[in-house]
Amino acid sequence: MTNVINTGLSNQAISNAPVSTNTANNGRPATAPNTGQLAATSEAVTVSAGAQITTQLLGAARTATGVNTAAVMQIRSSIQNGTYNITPENLANAMAAALKDKTS
């Protein structure tokens, strides 16, 4: 069985193969130093709340179209009806606002 970890950059598959343990002791698992007890062989990963939110936001960004479909439909309808009218002043204001947003 394979688990998939989504890092936000690419999907990386990891195997469920057991983590290698030190078996240099005649094939037996490693023991904790000076105790004779078996050493812990399990590991846990904790993902912070910030990382979880980032992963959710990246997923939402990947599925978003980046297009305001309501505005596109309204403009398209206006063009088809012949009612789309833009004045040079409105065009200049929109261009200035867009440039201002890019520089700030």
N, C-alpha and C. Protein backbone atom coordinates (compact mmCIF):
# COMPACT_ATOMS: atom_id res chain seq x y z
N MET A 1 0.84 -1.17 0.00
CA MET A 1 0.00 0.00 0.00
C MET A 1 0.89 1.24 0.00
N THR A 2 0.47 2.29 -0.69
CA THR A 2 1.26 3.51 -0.80
C THR A 2 0.44 4.70 -0.32
N ASN A 3 1.03 5.53 0.49
CA ASN A 3 0.41 6.78 0.92
C ASN A 3 0.92 7.89 0.03
N VAL A 4 0.09 8.90 -0.21
CA VAL A 4 0.52 10.05 -1.00
C VAL A 4 0.54 11.26 -0.10
N ILE A 5 1.64 11.96 -0.10
CA ILE A 5 1.78 13.18 0.68
C ILE A 5 1.75 14.35 -0.29
N ASN A 6 0.81 15.26 -0.08
CA ASN A 6 0.72 16.45 -0.91
C ASN A 6 1.47 17.56 -0.21
N THR A 7 2.61 17.95 -0.74
CA THR A 7 3.42 18.99 -0.12
C THR A 7 3.07 20.37 -0.64
N GLY A 8 2.14 20.45 -1.56
CA GLY A 8 1.81 21.73 -2.15
C GLY A 8 2.64 22.01 -3.38
N LEU A 9 3.75 21.35 -3.55
CA LEU A 9 4.59 21.54 -4.72
C LEU A 9 4.45 20.37 -5.68
N SER A 10 4.39 19.18 -5.14
CA SER A 10 4.21 17.99 -5.96
C SER A 10 3.73 16.88 -5.06
N ASN A 11 3.14 15.87 -5.67
CA ASN A 11 2.71 14.72 -4.89
C ASN A 11 3.87 13.74 -4.81
N GLN A 12 4.17 13.28 -3.62
CA GLN A 12 5.25 12.34 -3.43
C GLN A 12 4.69 11.08 -2.80
N ALA A 13 4.93 9.95 -3.44
CA ALA A 13 4.45 8.68 -2.90
C ALA A 13 5.50 8.12 -1.95
N ILE A 14 5.02 7.60 -0.84
CA ILE A 14 5.93 6.94 0.09
C ILE A 14 5.38 5.56 0.38
N SER A 15 6.25 4.63 0.54
CA SER A 15 5.87 3.25 0.77
C SER A 15 5.57 3.02 2.23
N ASN A 16 4.74 2.04 2.52
CA ASN A 16 4.46 1.65 3.90
C ASN A 16 5.44 0.60 4.39
N ALA A 17 6.57 0.49 3.72
CA ALA A 17 7.57 -0.47 4.14
C ALA A 17 8.07 -0.08 5.52
N PRO A 18 8.40 -1.04 6.36
CA PRO A 18 8.84 -0.70 7.71
C PRO A 18 10.13 0.10 7.68
N VAL A 19 10.26 0.96 8.65
CA VAL A 19 11.47 1.74 8.80
C VAL A 19 12.58 0.79 9.21
N SER A 20 13.75 0.95 8.59
CA SER A 20 14.82 0.03 8.93
C SER A 20 15.27 0.26 10.37
N THR A 21 15.54 -0.82 11.04
CA THR A 21 16.03 -0.75 12.41
C THR A 21 17.41 -1.37 12.47
N ASN A 22 18.14 -1.04 13.47
CA ASN A 22 19.48 -1.57 13.63
C ASN A 22 19.37 -3.03 14.07
N THR A 23 19.77 -3.94 13.20
CA THR A 23 19.70 -5.37 13.53
C THR A 23 21.09 -5.98 13.57
N ALA A 24 22.07 -5.16 13.91
CA ALA A 24 23.44 -5.67 13.97
C ALA A 24 23.64 -6.59 15.16
N ASN A 25 22.68 -6.66 16.04
CA ASN A 25 22.76 -7.46 17.25
C ASN A 25 22.20 -8.86 16.95
N ASN A 26 22.83 -9.61 16.07
CA ASN A 26 22.42 -10.97 15.69
C ASN A 26 20.97 -11.02 15.20
N GLY A 27 20.56 -10.03 14.43
CA GLY A 27 19.22 -10.05 13.85
C GLY A 27 18.14 -9.61 14.79
N ARG A 28 18.47 -9.26 16.02
CA ARG A 28 17.46 -8.80 16.98
C ARG A 28 17.37 -7.27 16.91
N PRO A 29 16.19 -6.72 17.26
CA PRO A 29 16.05 -5.26 17.25
C PRO A 29 17.01 -4.62 18.24
N ALA A 30 17.33 -3.36 17.97
CA ALA A 30 18.24 -2.63 18.85
C ALA A 30 17.61 -2.44 20.21
N THR A 31 18.44 -2.37 21.22
CA THR A 31 17.95 -2.13 22.58
C THR A 31 18.42 -0.76 23.04
N ALA A 32 17.67 -0.18 23.96
CA ALA A 32 18.05 1.11 24.51
C ALA A 32 19.35 0.94 25.27
N PRO A 33 20.22 1.94 25.23
CA PRO A 33 21.52 1.81 25.89
C PRO A 33 21.38 1.58 27.40
N ASN A 34 22.10 0.59 27.89
CA ASN A 34 22.22 0.29 29.32
C ASN A 34 20.91 -0.07 30.02
N THR A 35 19.84 -0.38 29.28
CA THR A 35 18.59 -0.74 29.95
C THR A 35 18.14 -2.14 29.61
N GLY A 36 18.59 -2.67 28.48
CA GLY A 36 18.16 -3.99 28.06
C GLY A 36 16.75 -4.00 27.48
N GLN A 37 16.07 -2.85 27.46
CA GLN A 37 14.72 -2.77 26.90
C GLN A 37 14.81 -2.47 25.41
N LEU A 38 13.77 -2.89 24.69
CA LEU A 38 13.75 -2.62 23.26
C LEU A 38 13.67 -1.12 23.01
N ALA A 39 14.43 -0.67 22.03
CA ALA A 39 14.39 0.74 21.65
C ALA A 39 13.10 1.02 20.89
N ALA A 40 12.59 2.21 21.00
CA ALA A 40 11.36 2.60 20.29
C ALA A 40 11.63 2.60 18.79
N THR A 41 10.71 2.02 18.03
CA THR A 41 10.89 1.97 16.58
C THR A 41 9.80 2.74 15.84
N SER A 42 8.85 3.33 16.55
CA SER A 42 7.80 4.06 15.86
C SER A 42 8.13 5.54 15.83
N GLU A 43 7.61 6.21 14.81
CA GLU A 43 7.82 7.63 14.65
C GLU A 43 6.48 8.29 14.38
N ALA A 44 6.33 9.52 14.79
CA ALA A 44 5.09 10.26 14.54
C ALA A 44 5.45 11.62 13.95
N VAL A 45 4.58 12.10 13.09
CA VAL A 45 4.75 13.41 12.49
C VAL A 45 3.56 14.26 12.86
N THR A 46 3.81 15.43 13.37
CA THR A 46 2.74 16.36 13.70
C THR A 46 2.82 17.54 12.76
N VAL A 47 1.70 17.85 12.11
CA VAL A 47 1.65 18.96 11.18
C VAL A 47 0.98 20.13 11.89
N SER A 48 1.61 21.28 11.84
CA SER A 48 1.08 22.45 12.54
C SER A 48 -0.23 22.91 11.90
N ALA A 49 -0.99 23.67 12.67
CA ALA A 49 -2.26 24.21 12.17
C ALA A 49 -2.00 25.11 10.97
N GLY A 50 -0.92 25.87 11.02
CA GLY A 50 -0.57 26.74 9.89
C GLY A 50 -0.29 25.95 8.62
N ALA A 51 0.40 24.82 8.76
CA ALA A 51 0.68 23.98 7.59
C ALA A 51 -0.60 23.36 7.05
N GLN A 52 -1.51 22.99 7.93
CA GLN A 52 -2.79 22.43 7.48
C GLN A 52 -3.60 23.47 6.72
N ILE A 53 -3.63 24.70 7.23
CA ILE A 53 -4.36 25.77 6.55
C ILE A 53 -3.71 26.07 5.20
N THR A 54 -2.39 26.10 5.17
CA THR A 54 -1.68 26.35 3.91
C THR A 54 -2.02 25.28 2.88
N THR A 55 -2.07 24.03 3.30
CA THR A 55 -2.42 22.94 2.39
C THR A 55 -3.84 23.11 1.87
N GLN A 56 -4.77 23.50 2.74
CA GLN A 56 -6.15 23.72 2.30
C GLN A 56 -6.23 24.88 1.32
N LEU A 57 -5.52 25.97 1.59
CA LEU A 57 -5.54 27.12 0.69
C LEU A 57 -4.92 26.78 -0.66
N LEU A 58 -3.84 26.01 -0.65
CA LEU A 58 -3.23 25.60 -1.92
C LEU A 58 -4.19 24.75 -2.73
N GLY A 59 -4.91 23.86 -2.06
CA GLY A 59 -5.90 23.04 -2.76
C GLY A 59 -7.00 23.89 -3.36
N ALA A 60 -7.47 24.89 -2.61
CA ALA A 60 -8.52 25.78 -3.13
C ALA A 60 -7.99 26.59 -4.31
N ALA A 61 -6.75 27.04 -4.23
CA ALA A 61 -6.17 27.82 -5.33
C ALA A 61 -6.01 26.97 -6.58
N ARG A 62 -5.68 25.71 -6.41
CA ARG A 62 -5.52 24.83 -7.58
C ARG A 62 -6.84 24.59 -8.30
N THR A 63 -7.94 24.56 -7.56
CA THR A 63 -9.23 24.28 -8.18
C THR A 63 -9.94 25.55 -8.64
N ALA A 64 -9.46 26.72 -8.22
CA ALA A 64 -10.08 27.98 -8.62
C ALA A 64 -9.74 28.30 -10.07
N THR A 65 -10.68 28.91 -10.75
CA THR A 65 -10.45 29.27 -12.15
C THR A 65 -9.73 30.60 -12.28
N GLY A 66 -9.82 31.45 -11.26
CA GLY A 66 -9.18 32.75 -11.33
C GLY A 66 -9.95 33.74 -12.17
N VAL A 67 -11.18 33.40 -12.53
CA VAL A 67 -12.00 34.24 -13.39
C VAL A 67 -13.29 34.58 -12.65
N ASN A 68 -13.66 35.85 -12.66
CA ASN A 68 -14.93 36.27 -12.08
C ASN A 68 -16.00 36.00 -13.13
N THR A 69 -16.58 34.82 -13.07
CA THR A 69 -17.52 34.40 -14.11
C THR A 69 -18.76 35.28 -14.17
N ALA A 70 -19.21 35.81 -13.05
CA ALA A 70 -20.39 36.69 -13.06
C ALA A 70 -20.10 37.96 -13.86
N ALA A 71 -18.92 38.55 -13.64
CA ALA A 71 -18.55 39.76 -14.38
C ALA A 71 -18.38 39.46 -15.86
N VAL A 72 -17.77 38.34 -16.19
CA VAL A 72 -17.58 37.96 -17.59
C VAL A 72 -18.92 37.78 -18.28
N MET A 73 -19.85 37.11 -17.60
CA MET A 73 -21.18 36.90 -18.20
C MET A 73 -21.90 38.23 -18.41
N GLN A 74 -21.78 39.15 -17.45
CA GLN A 74 -22.44 40.45 -17.58
C GLN A 74 -21.85 41.25 -18.75
N ILE A 75 -20.53 41.28 -18.85
CA ILE A 75 -19.89 42.01 -19.95
C ILE A 75 -20.22 41.36 -21.29
N ARG A 76 -20.17 40.04 -21.34
CA ARG A 76 -20.49 39.33 -22.58
C ARG A 76 -21.91 39.64 -23.03
N SER A 77 -22.84 39.63 -22.08
CA SER A 77 -24.23 39.94 -22.39
C SER A 77 -24.38 41.37 -22.90
N SER A 78 -23.68 42.31 -22.26
CA SER A 78 -23.74 43.71 -22.70
C SER A 78 -23.19 43.87 -24.10
N ILE A 79 -22.10 43.19 -24.41
CA ILE A 79 -21.52 43.27 -25.75
C ILE A 79 -22.50 42.70 -26.77
N GLN A 80 -23.09 41.54 -26.48
CA GLN A 80 -24.03 40.92 -27.40
C GLN A 80 -25.27 41.78 -27.62
N ASN A 81 -25.72 42.48 -26.57
CA ASN A 81 -26.90 43.33 -26.67
C ASN A 81 -26.59 44.69 -27.28
N GLY A 82 -25.31 45.00 -27.45
CA GLY A 82 -24.92 46.30 -27.98
C GLY A 82 -25.00 47.40 -26.95
N THR A 83 -25.08 47.05 -25.69
CA THR A 83 -25.19 48.05 -24.63
C THR A 83 -23.88 48.27 -23.89
N TYR A 84 -22.83 47.59 -24.29
CA TYR A 84 -21.54 47.78 -23.61
C TYR A 84 -20.94 49.08 -24.10
N ASN A 85 -20.74 50.00 -23.19
CA ASN A 85 -20.22 51.31 -23.55
C ASN A 85 -19.15 51.69 -22.54
N ILE A 86 -17.98 51.96 -23.04
CA ILE A 86 -16.89 52.40 -22.16
C ILE A 86 -16.37 53.73 -22.69
N THR A 87 -16.27 54.68 -21.81
CA THR A 87 -15.75 55.99 -22.20
C THR A 87 -14.24 55.98 -22.03
N PRO A 88 -13.56 56.83 -22.77
CA PRO A 88 -12.10 56.92 -22.59
C PRO A 88 -11.71 57.27 -21.15
N GLU A 89 -12.53 58.08 -20.48
CA GLU A 89 -12.24 58.45 -19.09
C GLU A 89 -12.33 57.23 -18.17
N ASN A 90 -13.35 56.40 -18.35
CA ASN A 90 -13.48 55.18 -17.54
C ASN A 90 -12.33 54.21 -17.81
N LEU A 91 -11.94 54.11 -19.08
CA LEU A 91 -10.83 53.24 -19.43
C LEU A 91 -9.54 53.72 -18.78
N ALA A 92 -9.29 55.03 -18.84
CA ALA A 92 -8.08 55.59 -18.23
C ALA A 92 -8.08 55.38 -16.71
N ASN A 93 -9.23 55.57 -16.07
CA ASN A 93 -9.32 55.36 -14.62
C ASN A 93 -9.06 53.90 -14.25
N ALA A 94 -9.60 52.98 -15.04
CA ALA A 94 -9.39 51.55 -14.77
C ALA A 94 -7.92 51.18 -14.94
N MET A 95 -7.29 51.72 -15.99
CA MET A 95 -5.87 51.44 -16.22
C MET A 95 -5.01 52.02 -15.09
N ALA A 96 -5.33 53.23 -14.65
CA ALA A 96 -4.57 53.85 -13.56
C ALA A 96 -4.73 53.06 -12.27
N ALA A 97 -5.93 52.59 -11.99
CA ALA A 97 -6.17 51.80 -10.78
C ALA A 97 -5.40 50.49 -10.83
N ALA A 98 -5.38 49.85 -12.00
CA ALA A 98 -4.65 48.59 -12.14
C ALA A 98 -3.16 48.80 -11.94
N LEU A 99 -2.62 49.87 -12.51
CA LEU A 99 -1.20 50.17 -12.34
C LEU A 99 -0.87 50.51 -10.90
N LYS A 100 -1.77 51.24 -10.24
CA LYS A 100 -1.55 51.60 -8.84
C LYS A 100 -1.51 50.35 -7.97
N ASP A 101 -2.40 49.38 -8.24
CA ASP A 101 -2.43 48.13 -7.48
C ASP A 101 -1.14 47.34 -7.66
N LYS A 102 -0.57 47.38 -8.86
CA LYS A 102 0.66 46.61 -9.12
C LYS A 102 1.88 47.23 -8.45
N THR A 103 1.86 48.55 -8.26
CA THR A 103 3.03 49.20 -7.67
C THR A 103 2.97 49.28 -6.15
N SER A 104 1.81 49.00 -5.57
CA SER A 104 1.73 49.08 -4.10
C SER A 104 1.74 47.74 -3.45
